[in-house]
């Protein structure tokens, strides 16, 4: 392995290898204002509140006008340690219980406290998630391959086979930076997050290996754009498998430059921004990115480090590729909830 690949893999050791489509016209709910971010016939709707509370989480969900029905999977990140900035049980409890949801996760592909089901279950118990809802490690009993719409690098996507047990998914992501992807939003949560351990290796190696034990020798920094494209491809595959029965929520709090898969993340330099939601994952991640890039920096509330992390890792390319393969639109109308 080349020296720079070794360095890259060392950084990666701290990382988790852990209905979509266009929004239709909807009636403007009361106590909302709209902001046209881009003029486009394909623009989607993104809802936002600057309040970050359990009640606000319920409001953005209700604003979408899409009811989670049947067997509902709520995809979150359970975090690599108590130091990480994952969404806490007390924050999501009322929402998860209101939809009768099961919290779902998959094992990681790196050495840590979540790379086996036994260790992952202990970590989840320690975080307190079983106290608020049933928790399902979706690749506990196996994995399955699902089709991809873009086979340039990946011939299939590999997900936990328990995904077949759900009728509807709520992609509940914590927006933050990421050591390998640049940033982690709903697209990452649906690609890396829903992939099994072997599936994470397949995405990270841009299709070179689907064996987690062979991951590190198949990661090369010169292939960064391919990796980012594979994340978009995997996210689209999950959307297709669920037949679009997914809604997307992103919580912009505790915004470190490091992912929740990092057990000792950098302290956030950017203050909390709010909760955003959409039926379009591309529009939602784009809206979160725009909040970061348009932020007016002041001492103690500065987006500079996060933007540098995003650009160093070509993070914006996931938005470009996801839009290119038809997962969603980068054009959106922002609706502010009051």
C-alpha atoms as a PDB file:
ATOM      1  CA  UNK A   1       0.000   0.000   0.000  1.00  0.00           C
ATOM      2  CA  UNK A   2       1.333   3.469  -0.872  1.00  0.00           C
ATOM      3  CA  UNK A   3       2.213   5.768   1.986  1.00  0.00           C
ATOM      4  CA  UNK A   4      -0.654   8.168   1.319  1.00  0.00           C
ATOM      5  CA  UNK A   5      -3.066   5.246   1.187  1.00  0.00           C
ATOM      6  CA  UNK A   6      -1.881   4.111   4.597  1.00  0.00           C
ATOM      7  CA  UNK A   7      -2.456   7.586   5.997  1.00  0.00           C
ATOM      8  CA  UNK A   8      -5.888   7.715   4.419  1.00  0.00           C
ATOM      9  CA  UNK A   9      -6.789   4.334   5.841  1.00  0.00           C
ATOM     10  CA  UNK A  10      -5.614   5.388   9.270  1.00  0.00           C
ATOM     11  CA  UNK A  11      -7.986   8.333   9.154  1.00  0.00           C
ATOM     12  CA  UNK A  12     -10.713   6.021   7.931  1.00  0.00           C
ATOM     13  CA  UNK A  13     -10.316   3.803  10.973  1.00  0.00           C
ATOM     14  CA  UNK A  14     -12.279   6.416  12.862  1.00  0.00           C
ATOM     15  CA  UNK A  15     -15.113   6.389  10.364  1.00  0.00           C
ATOM     16  CA  UNK A  16     -18.209   4.268   9.962  1.00  0.00           C
ATOM     17  CA  UNK A  17     -18.137   2.410   6.800  1.00  0.00           C
ATOM     18  CA  UNK A  18     -21.597   3.540   9.067  1.00  0.00           C
ATOM     19  CA  UNK A  19     -40.843   8.752  -0.318  1.00  0.00           C
ATOM     20  CA  UNK A  20     -37.771  10.053  -2.259  1.00  0.00           C
ATOM     21  CA  UNK A  21     -38.207  11.826  -5.538  1.00  0.00           C
ATOM     22  CA  UNK A  22     -39.710  15.189  -6.284  1.00  0.00           C
ATOM     23  CA  UNK A  23     -41.995  16.908  -3.819  1.00  0.00           C
ATOM     24  CA  UNK A  24     -45.397  17.753  -5.203  1.00  0.00           C
ATOM     25  CA  UNK A  25     -47.271  21.017  -4.762  1.00  0.00           C
ATOM     26  CA  UNK A  26     -48.721  21.204  -1.290  1.00  0.00           C
ATOM     27  CA  UNK A  27     -50.916  23.579   0.626  1.00  0.00           C
ATOM     28  CA  UNK A  28     -48.894  26.004   2.711  1.00  0.00           C
ATOM     29  CA  UNK A  29     -49.471  25.120   6.381  1.00  0.00           C
ATOM     30  CA  UNK A  30     -50.246  27.865   8.854  1.00  0.00           C
ATOM     31  CA  UNK A  31     -47.389  29.732  10.545  1.00  0.00           C
ATOM     32  CA  UNK A  32     -44.955  29.149   7.716  1.00  0.00           C
ATOM     33  CA  UNK A  33     -43.022  31.390   5.354  1.00  0.00           C
ATOM     34  CA  UNK A  34     -41.434  30.407   2.058  1.00  0.00           C
ATOM     35  CA  UNK A  35     -38.123  31.275   0.477  1.00  0.00           C
ATOM     36  CA  UNK A  36     -37.399  30.568  -3.167  1.00  0.00           C
ATOM     37  CA  UNK A  37     -33.856  29.251  -3.190  1.00  0.00           C
ATOM     38  CA  UNK A  38     -33.789  28.404  -6.892  1.00  0.00           C
ATOM     39  CA  UNK A  39     -36.200  28.825  -9.798  1.00  0.00           C
ATOM     40  CA  UNK A  40     -36.735  25.425 -11.367  1.00  0.00           C
ATOM     41  CA  UNK A  41     -39.673  23.349 -12.502  1.00  0.00           C
ATOM     42  CA  UNK A  42     -38.023  20.450 -10.687  1.00  0.00           C
ATOM     43  CA  UNK A  43     -37.590  22.210  -7.350  1.00  0.00           C
ATOM     44  CA  UNK A  44     -38.509  20.230  -4.240  1.00  0.00           C
ATOM     45  CA  UNK A  45     -39.811  21.455  -0.897  1.00  0.00           C
ATOM     46  CA  UNK A  46     -37.644  21.525   2.224  1.00  0.00           C
ATOM     47  CA  UNK A  47     -39.116  22.429   5.606  1.00  0.00           C
ATOM     48  CA  UNK A  48     -36.994  23.999   8.314  1.00  0.00           C
ATOM     49  CA  UNK A  49     -37.314  25.071  11.931  1.00  0.00           C
ATOM     50  CA  UNK A  50     -34.528  26.698  13.917  1.00  0.00           C
ATOM     51  CA  UNK A  51     -35.885  25.108  17.096  1.00  0.00           C
ATOM     52  CA  UNK A  52     -34.264  21.814  18.077  1.00  0.00           C
ATOM     53  CA  UNK A  53     -36.634  20.108  20.502  1.00  0.00           C
ATOM     54  CA  UNK A  54     -38.740  16.930  20.510  1.00  0.00           C
ATOM     55  CA  UNK A  55     -41.788  19.055  19.651  1.00  0.00           C
ATOM     56  CA  UNK A  56     -39.991  20.679  16.719  1.00  0.00           C
ATOM     57  CA  UNK A  57     -39.021  17.248  15.425  1.00  0.00           C
ATOM     58  CA  UNK A  58     -42.693  16.292  15.400  1.00  0.00           C
ATOM     59  CA  UNK A  59     -43.620  19.520  13.598  1.00  0.00           C
ATOM     60  CA  UNK A  60     -41.241  19.035  10.695  1.00  0.00           C
ATOM     61  CA  UNK A  61     -42.467  15.458  10.291  1.00  0.00           C
ATOM     62  CA  UNK A  62     -46.094  16.587  10.255  1.00  0.00           C
ATOM     63  CA  UNK A  63     -45.296  19.386   7.785  1.00  0.00           C
ATOM     64  CA  UNK A  64     -44.261  16.796   5.204  1.00  0.00           C
ATOM     65  CA  UNK A  65     -47.838  15.518   5.028  1.00  0.00           C
ATOM     66  CA  UNK A  66     -46.674  11.935   4.574  1.00  0.00           C
ATOM     67  CA  UNK A  67     -47.761   9.443   7.219  1.00  0.00           C
ATOM     68  CA  UNK A  68     -45.359   6.683   8.194  1.00  0.00           C
ATOM     69  CA  UNK A  69     -47.428   3.503   8.011  1.00  0.00           C
ATOM     70  CA  UNK A  70     -46.950  -0.226   8.399  1.00  0.00           C
ATOM     71  CA  UNK A  71     -43.685  -1.559   9.762  1.00  0.00           C
ATOM     72  CA  UNK A  72     -41.633   1.615  10.195  1.00  0.00           C
ATOM     73  CA  UNK A  73     -37.826   1.631  10.291  1.00  0.00           C
ATOM     74  CA  UNK A  74     -36.185   4.710  11.809  1.00  0.00           C
ATOM     75  CA  UNK A  75     -32.593   4.816  10.583  1.00  0.00           C
ATOM     76  CA  UNK A  76     -30.216   6.668  12.891  1.00  0.00           C
ATOM     77  CA  UNK A  77     -26.566   6.392  13.858  1.00  0.00           C
ATOM     78  CA  UNK A  78     -26.100   4.984  17.342  1.00  0.00           C
ATOM     79  CA  UNK A  79     -22.666   6.604  17.694  1.00  0.00           C
ATOM     80  CA  UNK A  80     -19.234   5.160  18.328  1.00  0.00           C
ATOM     81  CA  UNK A  81     -18.983   6.378  21.926  1.00  0.00           C
ATOM     82  CA  UNK A  82     -20.727   8.531  24.505  1.00  0.00           C
ATOM     83  CA  UNK A  83     -18.474  11.386  23.354  1.00  0.00           C
ATOM     84  CA  UNK A  84     -19.941  11.425  19.864  1.00  0.00           C
ATOM     85  CA  UNK A  85     -22.721  13.740  18.762  1.00  0.00           C
ATOM     86  CA  UNK A  86     -25.328  11.152  17.743  1.00  0.00           C
ATOM     87  CA  UNK A  87     -28.991  12.000  18.336  1.00  0.00           C
ATOM     88  CA  UNK A  88     -29.796  11.164  21.936  1.00  0.00           C
ATOM     89  CA  UNK A  89     -32.704   8.869  22.926  1.00  0.00           C
ATOM     90  CA  UNK A  90     -34.462  11.561  24.951  1.00  0.00           C
ATOM     91  CA  UNK A  91     -34.552  13.813  21.891  1.00  0.00           C
ATOM     92  CA  UNK A  92     -36.039  11.278  19.448  1.00  0.00           C
ATOM     93  CA  UNK A  93     -38.166   9.229  21.892  1.00  0.00           C
ATOM     94  CA  UNK A  94     -41.553  10.911  21.404  1.00  0.00           C
ATOM     95  CA  UNK A  95     -41.186  10.983  17.636  1.00  0.00           C
ATOM     96  CA  UNK A  96     -40.119   7.341  17.289  1.00  0.00           C
ATOM     97  CA  UNK A  97     -42.887   6.167  19.592  1.00  0.00           C
ATOM     98  CA  UNK A  98     -45.506   8.285  17.786  1.00  0.00           C
ATOM     99  CA  UNK A  99     -44.867   6.437  14.506  1.00  0.00           C
ATOM    100  CA  UNK A 100     -44.494   3.022  16.165  1.00  0.00           C
ATOM    101  CA  UNK A 101     -40.992   2.891  14.764  1.00  0.00           C
ATOM    102  CA  UNK A 102     -38.153   0.428  15.167  1.00  0.00           C
ATOM    103  CA  UNK A 103     -34.688   1.966  15.371  1.00  0.00           C
ATOM    104  CA  UNK A 104     -32.483   0.279  12.769  1.00  0.00           C
ATOM    105  CA  UNK A 105     -28.728   0.106  12.330  1.00  0.00           C
ATOM    106  CA  UNK A 106     -26.071  -2.052  10.661  1.00  0.00           C
ATOM    107  CA  UNK A 107     -22.670  -3.196  11.879  1.00  0.00           C
ATOM    108  CA  UNK A 108     -19.561  -1.265  10.931  1.00  0.00           C
ATOM    109  CA  UNK A 109     -16.641  -2.485   8.818  1.00  0.00           C
ATOM    110  CA  UNK A 110     -13.870  -1.075  10.995  1.00  0.00           C
ATOM    111  CA  UNK A 111     -12.534  -2.218  14.342  1.00  0.00           C
ATOM    112  CA  UNK A 112     -14.518  -0.568  17.091  1.00  0.00           C
ATOM    113  CA  UNK A 113     -17.414  -1.182  19.440  1.00  0.00           C
ATOM    114  CA  UNK A 114     -20.008  -1.757  16.697  1.00  0.00           C
ATOM    115  CA  UNK A 115     -18.329  -4.076  14.183  1.00  0.00           C
ATOM    116  CA  UNK A 116     -20.002  -7.230  15.527  1.00  0.00           C
ATOM    117  CA  UNK A 117     -23.621  -7.708  16.502  1.00  0.00           C
ATOM    118  CA  UNK A 118     -22.700  -8.621  20.085  1.00  0.00           C
ATOM    119  CA  UNK A 119     -20.608  -5.488  20.596  1.00  0.00           C
ATOM    120  CA  UNK A 120     -23.089  -3.333  18.735  1.00  0.00           C
ATOM    121  CA  UNK A 121     -25.966  -4.506  20.911  1.00  0.00           C
ATOM    122  CA  UNK A 122     -23.979  -3.669  24.049  1.00  0.00           C
ATOM    123  CA  UNK A 123     -23.179  -0.208  22.675  1.00  0.00           C
ATOM    124  CA  UNK A 124     -26.834   0.400  21.812  1.00  0.00           C
ATOM    125  CA  UNK A 125     -27.901  -0.660  25.308  1.00  0.00           C
ATOM    126  CA  UNK A 126     -25.291   1.623  26.836  1.00  0.00           C
ATOM    127  CA  UNK A 127     -26.607   4.564  24.790  1.00  0.00           C
ATOM    128  CA  UNK A 128     -30.141   3.890  26.100  1.00  0.00           C
ATOM    129  CA  UNK A 129     -31.956   3.322  22.820  1.00  0.00           C
ATOM    130  CA  UNK A 130     -33.723   0.075  23.875  1.00  0.00           C
ATOM    131  CA  UNK A 131     -35.394   2.103  26.634  1.00  0.00           C
ATOM    132  CA  UNK A 132     -37.393   4.074  24.063  1.00  0.00           C
ATOM    133  CA  UNK A 133     -38.049   1.596  21.230  1.00  0.00           C
ATOM    134  CA  UNK A 134     -37.209  -1.741  19.705  1.00  0.00           C
ATOM    135  CA  UNK A 135     -33.782  -1.734  18.058  1.00  0.00           C
ATOM    136  CA  UNK A 136     -32.898  -3.923  15.072  1.00  0.00           C
ATOM    137  CA  UNK A 137     -29.357  -4.507  13.786  1.00  0.00           C
ATOM    138  CA  UNK A 138     -30.408  -5.265  10.244  1.00  0.00           C
ATOM    139  CA  UNK A 139     -27.416  -7.396   9.264  1.00  0.00           C
ATOM    140  CA  UNK A 140     -27.512  -9.428  12.481  1.00  0.00           C
ATOM    141  CA  UNK A 141     -28.651 -12.575  10.636  1.00  0.00           C
ATOM    142  CA  UNK A 142     -27.308 -11.851   7.166  1.00  0.00           C
ATOM    143  CA  UNK A 143     -27.313  -9.559   4.187  1.00  0.00           C
ATOM    144  CA  UNK A 144     -28.871  -9.309   0.752  1.00  0.00           C
ATOM    145  CA  UNK A 145     -27.993  -7.775  -2.585  1.00  0.00           C
ATOM    146  CA  UNK A 146     -30.339  -5.243  -4.123  1.00  0.00           C
ATOM    147  CA  UNK A 147     -30.208  -3.718  -7.632  1.00  0.00           C
ATOM    148  CA  UNK A 148     -28.491  -0.411  -8.432  1.00  0.00           C
ATOM    149  CA  UNK A 149     -29.518   2.050 -11.121  1.00  0.00           C
ATOM    150  CA  UNK A 150     -25.896   3.080 -11.772  1.00  0.00           C
ATOM    151  CA  UNK A 151     -23.592   0.098 -12.318  1.00  0.00           C
ATOM    152  CA  UNK A 152     -20.463   2.050 -13.249  1.00  0.00           C
ATOM    153  CA  UNK A 153     -18.581   0.819 -10.174  1.00  0.00           C
ATOM    154  CA  UNK A 154     -21.083  -1.191  -8.139  1.00  0.00           C
ATOM    155  CA  UNK A 155     -22.952  -4.102  -9.665  1.00  0.00           C
ATOM    156  CA  UNK A 156     -25.302  -4.313  -6.684  1.00  0.00           C
ATOM    157  CA  UNK A 157     -25.754  -2.868  -3.194  1.00  0.00           C
ATOM    158  CA  UNK A 158     -25.404  -5.026  -0.072  1.00  0.00           C
ATOM    159  CA  UNK A 159     -27.734  -4.260   2.815  1.00  0.00           C
ATOM    160  CA  UNK A 160     -28.824  -5.932   6.026  1.00  0.00           C
ATOM    161  CA  UNK A 161     -31.419  -8.554   5.119  1.00  0.00           C
ATOM    162  CA  UNK A 162     -33.807  -7.270   7.801  1.00  0.00           C
ATOM    163  CA  UNK A 163     -34.528  -4.359   5.472  1.00  0.00           C
ATOM    164  CA  UNK A 164     -37.070  -6.694   3.887  1.00  0.00           C
ATOM    165  CA  UNK A 165     -39.081  -6.594   7.134  1.00  0.00           C
ATOM    166  CA  UNK A 166     -40.074  -2.939   6.765  1.00  0.00           C
ATOM    167  CA  UNK A 167     -42.744  -1.138   4.766  1.00  0.00           C
ATOM    168  CA  UNK A 168     -41.586   2.414   5.391  1.00  0.00           C
ATOM    169  CA  UNK A 169     -38.360   4.162   6.394  1.00  0.00           C
ATOM    170  CA  UNK A 170     -37.696   7.398   8.218  1.00  0.00           C
ATOM    171  CA  UNK A 171     -34.148   8.490   7.454  1.00  0.00           C
ATOM    172  CA  UNK A 172     -33.347  10.491  10.595  1.00  0.00           C
ATOM    173  CA  UNK A 173     -29.841  11.834  10.184  1.00  0.00           C
ATOM    174  CA  UNK A 174     -27.535  13.954  12.275  1.00  0.00           C
ATOM    175  CA  UNK A 175     -25.881  16.414   9.897  1.00  0.00           C
ATOM    176  CA  UNK A 176     -22.149  16.850  10.542  1.00  0.00           C
ATOM    177  CA  UNK A 177     -18.754  16.610   8.885  1.00  0.00           C
ATOM    178  CA  UNK A 178     -17.122  13.323   7.972  1.00  0.00           C
ATOM    179  CA  UNK A 179     -13.494  12.250   7.721  1.00  0.00           C
ATOM    180  CA  UNK A 180     -13.911  10.406   4.417  1.00  0.00           C
ATOM    181  CA  UNK A 181     -17.151  11.673   2.861  1.00  0.00           C
ATOM    182  CA  UNK A 182     -16.663  15.346   3.731  1.00  0.00           C
ATOM    183  CA  UNK A 183     -20.074  15.552   5.328  1.00  0.00           C
ATOM    184  CA  UNK A 184     -22.710  13.155   6.546  1.00  0.00           C
ATOM    185  CA  UNK A 185     -26.382  13.845   5.895  1.00  0.00           C
ATOM    186  CA  UNK A 186     -29.335  11.787   4.772  1.00  0.00           C
ATOM    187  CA  UNK A 187     -27.584  10.427   1.670  1.00  0.00           C
ATOM    188  CA  UNK A 188     -24.766   8.970   3.738  1.00  0.00           C
ATOM    189  CA  UNK A 189     -27.203   7.692   6.364  1.00  0.00           C
ATOM    190  CA  UNK A 190     -29.057   5.790   3.630  1.00  0.00           C
ATOM    191  CA  UNK A 191     -25.986   4.459   1.835  1.00  0.00           C
ATOM    192  CA  UNK A 192     -23.233   3.624   4.316  1.00  0.00           C
ATOM    193  CA  UNK A 193     -25.761   3.472   7.150  1.00  0.00           C
ATOM    194  CA  UNK A 194     -28.056   0.840   5.627  1.00  0.00           C
ATOM    195  CA  UNK A 195     -25.217  -1.231   4.153  1.00  0.00           C
ATOM    196  CA  UNK A 196     -24.049  -4.366   5.938  1.00  0.00           C
ATOM    197  CA  UNK A 197     -20.405  -4.624   7.002  1.00  0.00           C
ATOM    198  CA  UNK A 198     -19.528  -6.124   3.633  1.00  0.00           C
ATOM    199  CA  UNK A 199     -21.725  -3.565   1.911  1.00  0.00           C
ATOM    200  CA  UNK A 200     -19.815  -0.753   3.600  1.00  0.00           C
ATOM    201  CA  UNK A 201     -16.589  -2.233   2.251  1.00  0.00           C
ATOM    202  CA  UNK A 202     -18.107  -2.466  -1.229  1.00  0.00           C
ATOM    203  CA  UNK A 203     -19.094   1.209  -1.200  1.00  0.00           C
ATOM    204  CA  UNK A 204     -15.852   2.472   0.352  1.00  0.00           C
ATOM    205  CA  UNK A 205     -13.725   0.509  -2.102  1.00  0.00           C
ATOM    206  CA  UNK A 206     -15.881   1.697  -5.026  1.00  0.00           C
ATOM    207  CA  UNK A 207     -16.756  -1.866  -5.945  1.00  0.00           C
ATOM    208  CA  UNK A 208     -13.294  -3.424  -5.575  1.00  0.00           C
ATOM    209  CA  UNK A 209     -14.242  -5.724  -2.686  1.00  0.00           C
ATOM    210  CA  UNK A 210     -17.412  -6.809  -0.940  1.00  0.00           C
ATOM    211  CA  UNK A 211     -15.487  -8.422   1.914  1.00  0.00           C
ATOM    212  CA  UNK A 212     -15.050  -6.264   5.013  1.00  0.00           C
ATOM    213  CA  UNK A 213     -11.810  -8.058   5.919  1.00  0.00           C
ATOM    214  CA  UNK A 214     -10.272  -6.797   2.658  1.00  0.00           C
ATOM    215  CA  UNK A 215     -11.424  -3.200   3.024  1.00  0.00           C
ATOM    216  CA  UNK A 216      -8.272  -1.328   3.939  1.00  0.00           C
ATOM    217  CA  UNK A 217      -6.048  -2.585   1.132  1.00  0.00           C
ATOM    218  CA  UNK A 218      -8.745  -1.541  -1.347  1.00  0.00           C
ATOM    219  CA  UNK A 219      -9.124   2.093  -0.296  1.00  0.00           C
ATOM    220  CA  UNK A 220      -7.123   4.551  -2.396  1.00  0.00           C
ATOM    221  CA  UNK A 221      -7.404   8.362  -2.031  1.00  0.00           C
ATOM    222  CA  UNK A 222      -7.140   8.917  -5.774  1.00  0.00           C
ATOM    223  CA  UNK A 223     -10.509   7.173  -6.075  1.00  0.00           C
ATOM    224  CA  UNK A 224     -12.330   9.646  -3.810  1.00  0.00           C
ATOM    225  CA  UNK A 225     -14.823  10.781  -6.449  1.00  0.00           C
ATOM    226  CA  UNK A 226     -15.664   7.163  -7.246  1.00  0.00           C
ATOM    227  CA  UNK A 227     -16.335   6.485  -3.559  1.00  0.00           C
ATOM    228  CA  UNK A 228     -18.621   9.503  -3.295  1.00  0.00           C
ATOM    229  CA  UNK A 229     -20.490   8.390  -6.421  1.00  0.00           C
ATOM    230  CA  UNK A 230     -20.906   4.929  -4.928  1.00  0.00           C
ATOM    231  CA  UNK A 231     -22.544   6.460  -1.858  1.00  0.00           C
ATOM    232  CA  UNK A 232     -25.068   8.185  -4.093  1.00  0.00           C
ATOM    233  CA  UNK A 233     -25.619   4.939  -5.985  1.00  0.00           C
ATOM    234  CA  UNK A 234     -26.207   2.989  -2.774  1.00  0.00           C
ATOM    235  CA  UNK A 235     -28.646   5.598  -1.437  1.00  0.00           C
ATOM    236  CA  UNK A 236     -30.628   5.394  -4.671  1.00  0.00           C
ATOM    237  CA  UNK A 237     -30.689   1.599  -4.454  1.00  0.00           C
ATOM    238  CA  UNK A 238     -32.293   1.738  -0.999  1.00  0.00           C
ATOM    239  CA  UNK A 239     -34.855   4.270  -2.235  1.00  0.00           C
ATOM    240  CA  UNK A 240     -35.708   2.009  -5.172  1.00  0.00           C
ATOM    241  CA  UNK A 241     -35.975  -1.053  -2.943  1.00  0.00           C
ATOM    242  CA  UNK A 242     -38.364   0.786  -0.621  1.00  0.00           C
ATOM    243  CA  UNK A 243     -40.299   2.011  -3.676  1.00  0.00           C
ATOM    244  CA  UNK A 244     -39.829   5.570  -2.506  1.00  0.00           C
ATOM    245  CA  UNK A 245     -41.543   4.977   0.837  1.00  0.00           C
ATOM    246  CA  UNK A 246     -38.968   7.049   2.719  1.00  0.00           C
ATOM    247  CA  UNK A 247     -39.029  10.481   4.311  1.00  0.00           C
ATOM    248  CA  UNK A 248     -35.928  12.429   5.263  1.00  0.00           C
ATOM    249  CA  UNK A 249     -35.122  14.490   8.344  1.00  0.00           C
ATOM    250  CA  UNK A 250     -31.765  16.105   9.172  1.00  0.00           C
ATOM    251  CA  UNK A 251     -30.878  17.565  12.562  1.00  0.00           C
ATOM    252  CA  UNK A 252     -28.210  20.261  12.381  1.00  0.00           C
ATOM    253  CA  UNK A 253     -26.911  20.313  15.947  1.00  0.00           C
ATOM    254  CA  UNK A 254     -23.520  19.615  17.518  1.00  0.00           C
ATOM    255  CA  UNK A 255     -21.999  20.061  14.062  1.00  0.00           C
ATOM    256  CA  UNK A 256     -18.462  18.741  14.407  1.00  0.00           C
ATOM    257  CA  UNK A 257     -16.186  18.311  11.416  1.00  0.00           C
ATOM    258  CA  UNK A 258     -16.052  14.641  12.481  1.00  0.00           C
ATOM    259  CA  UNK A 259     -18.658  11.942  12.073  1.00  0.00           C
ATOM    260  CA  UNK A 260     -20.557  10.198  14.862  1.00  0.00           C
ATOM    261  CA  UNK A 261     -18.480   7.150  13.932  1.00  0.00           C
ATOM    262  CA  UNK A 262     -15.467   8.914  15.437  1.00  0.00           C
ATOM    263  CA  UNK A 263     -15.254   7.992  19.104  1.00  0.00           C
ATOM    264  CA  UNK A 264     -13.396  11.197  19.946  1.00  0.00           C
ATOM    265  CA  UNK A 265     -14.673  13.887  17.568  1.00  0.00           C
ATOM    266  CA  UNK A 266     -13.450  17.450  17.291  1.00  0.00           C
ATOM    267  CA  UNK A 267     -15.424  19.987  19.278  1.00  0.00           C
ATOM    268  CA  UNK A 268     -18.088  21.718  17.141  1.00  0.00           C
ATOM    269  CA  UNK A 269     -17.070  25.186  15.961  1.00  0.00           C
ATOM    270  CA  UNK A 270     -20.446  25.900  14.381  1.00  0.00           C
ATOM    271  CA  UNK A 271     -23.540  26.598  16.446  1.00  0.00           C
ATOM    272  CA  UNK A 272     -26.765  24.622  16.077  1.00  0.00           C
ATOM    273  CA  UNK A 273     -28.880  25.569  13.061  1.00  0.00           C
ATOM    274  CA  UNK A 274     -32.151  23.640  13.216  1.00  0.00           C
ATOM    275  CA  UNK A 275     -34.102  20.677  11.853  1.00  0.00           C
ATOM    276  CA  UNK A 276     -34.836  20.231   8.150  1.00  0.00           C
ATOM    277  CA  UNK A 277     -37.094  17.719   6.397  1.00  0.00           C
ATOM    278  CA  UNK A 278     -38.101  16.751   2.873  1.00  0.00           C
ATOM    279  CA  UNK A 279     -39.337  13.911   0.721  1.00  0.00           C
ATOM    280  CA  UNK A 280     -36.299  14.554  -1.509  1.00  0.00           C
ATOM    281  CA  UNK A 281     -32.925  13.493  -0.021  1.00  0.00           C
ATOM    282  CA  UNK A 282     -30.853  15.459  -2.522  1.00  0.00           C
ATOM    283  CA  UNK A 283     -32.745  18.678  -1.877  1.00  0.00           C
ATOM    284  CA  UNK A 284     -32.463  18.130   1.869  1.00  0.00           C
ATOM    285  CA  UNK A 285     -28.703  17.575   1.899  1.00  0.00           C
ATOM    286  CA  UNK A 286     -28.305  20.528  -0.489  1.00  0.00           C
ATOM    287  CA  UNK A 287     -30.333  22.734   1.848  1.00  0.00           C
ATOM    288  CA  UNK A 288     -28.170  21.707   4.813  1.00  0.00           C
ATOM    289  CA  UNK A 289     -25.021  22.433   2.825  1.00  0.00           C
ATOM    290  CA  UNK A 290     -26.399  25.835   1.838  1.00  0.00           C
ATOM    291  CA  UNK A 291     -27.034  26.670   5.495  1.00  0.00           C
ATOM    292  CA  UNK A 292     -23.352  25.978   6.150  1.00  0.00           C
ATOM    293  CA  UNK A 293     -21.957  27.838   3.127  1.00  0.00           C
ATOM    294  CA  UNK A 294     -24.169  30.911   3.638  1.00  0.00           C
ATOM    295  CA  UNK A 295     -23.407  31.128   7.334  1.00  0.00           C
ATOM    296  CA  UNK A 296     -22.102  34.476   8.541  1.00  0.00           C
ATOM    297  CA  UNK A 297     -19.069  33.562  10.607  1.00  0.00           C
ATOM    298  CA  UNK A 298     -18.421  35.194  13.958  1.00  0.00           C
ATOM    299  CA  UNK A 299     -16.074  34.255  16.767  1.00  0.00           C
ATOM    300  CA  UNK A 300     -17.273  31.016  18.336  1.00  0.00           C
ATOM    301  CA  UNK A 301     -19.656  30.269  15.472  1.00  0.00           C
ATOM    302  CA  UNK A 302     -17.589  29.551  12.386  1.00  0.00           C
ATOM    303  CA  UNK A 303     -18.207  27.229   9.426  1.00  0.00           C
ATOM    304  CA  UNK A 304     -14.695  27.548   7.983  1.00  0.00           C
ATOM    305  CA  UNK A 305     -13.300  24.228   9.271  1.00  0.00           C
ATOM    306  CA  UNK A 306     -16.361  22.278   8.168  1.00  0.00           C
ATOM    307  CA  UNK A 307     -16.274  23.788   4.681  1.00  0.00           C
ATOM    308  CA  UNK A 308     -12.587  22.932   4.391  1.00  0.00           C
ATOM    309  CA  UNK A 309     -13.362  19.340   5.408  1.00  0.00           C
ATOM    310  CA  UNK A 310     -16.193  19.084   2.870  1.00  0.00           C
ATOM    311  CA  UNK A 311     -14.113  20.451   0.023  1.00  0.00           C
ATOM    312  CA  UNK A 312     -10.989  18.456   0.866  1.00  0.00           C
ATOM    313  CA  UNK A 313     -13.012  15.258   0.510  1.00  0.00           C
ATOM    314  CA  UNK A 314     -14.992  16.419  -2.551  1.00  0.00           C
ATOM    315  CA  UNK A 315     -18.124  16.077  -0.446  1.00  0.00           C
ATOM    316  CA  UNK A 316     -20.365  18.129  -2.727  1.00  0.00           C
ATOM    317  CA  UNK A 317     -19.897  15.568  -5.494  1.00  0.00           C
ATOM    318  CA  UNK A 318     -22.463  13.294  -3.836  1.00  0.00           C
ATOM    319  CA  UNK A 319     -25.109  15.925  -4.567  1.00  0.00           C
ATOM    320  CA  UNK A 320     -24.006  16.190  -8.174  1.00  0.00           C
ATOM    321  CA  UNK A 321     -24.075  12.458  -8.759  1.00  0.00           C
ATOM    322  CA  UNK A 322     -27.287  11.793  -6.836  1.00  0.00           C
ATOM    323  CA  UNK A 323     -29.048  14.394  -8.966  1.00  0.00           C
ATOM    324  CA  UNK A 324     -27.460  12.997 -12.122  1.00  0.00           C
ATOM    325  CA  UNK A 325     -28.833   9.497 -11.502  1.00  0.00           C
ATOM    326  CA  UNK A 326     -32.273  10.868 -10.701  1.00  0.00           C
ATOM    327  CA  UNK A 327     -32.480  10.393  -6.937  1.00  0.00           C
ATOM    328  CA  UNK A 328     -33.658  13.964  -6.401  1.00  0.00           C
ATOM    329  CA  UNK A 329     -33.218  17.627  -7.239  1.00  0.00           C
ATOM    330  CA  UNK A 330     -30.668  20.154  -6.022  1.00  0.00           C
ATOM    331  CA  UNK A 331     -33.257  22.876  -6.597  1.00  0.00           C
ATOM    332  CA  UNK A 332     -35.635  23.497  -3.729  1.00  0.00           C
ATOM    333  CA  UNK A 333     -38.077  25.851  -2.078  1.00  0.00           C
ATOM    334  CA  UNK A 334     -37.437  26.433   1.617  1.00  0.00           C
ATOM    335  CA  UNK A 335     -40.480  26.598   3.888  1.00  0.00           C
ATOM    336  CA  UNK A 336     -39.707  28.023   7.325  1.00  0.00           C
ATOM    337  CA  UNK A 337     -41.772  26.728  10.226  1.00  0.00           C
ATOM    338  CA  UNK A 338     -42.452  29.102  13.090  1.00  0.00           C
END
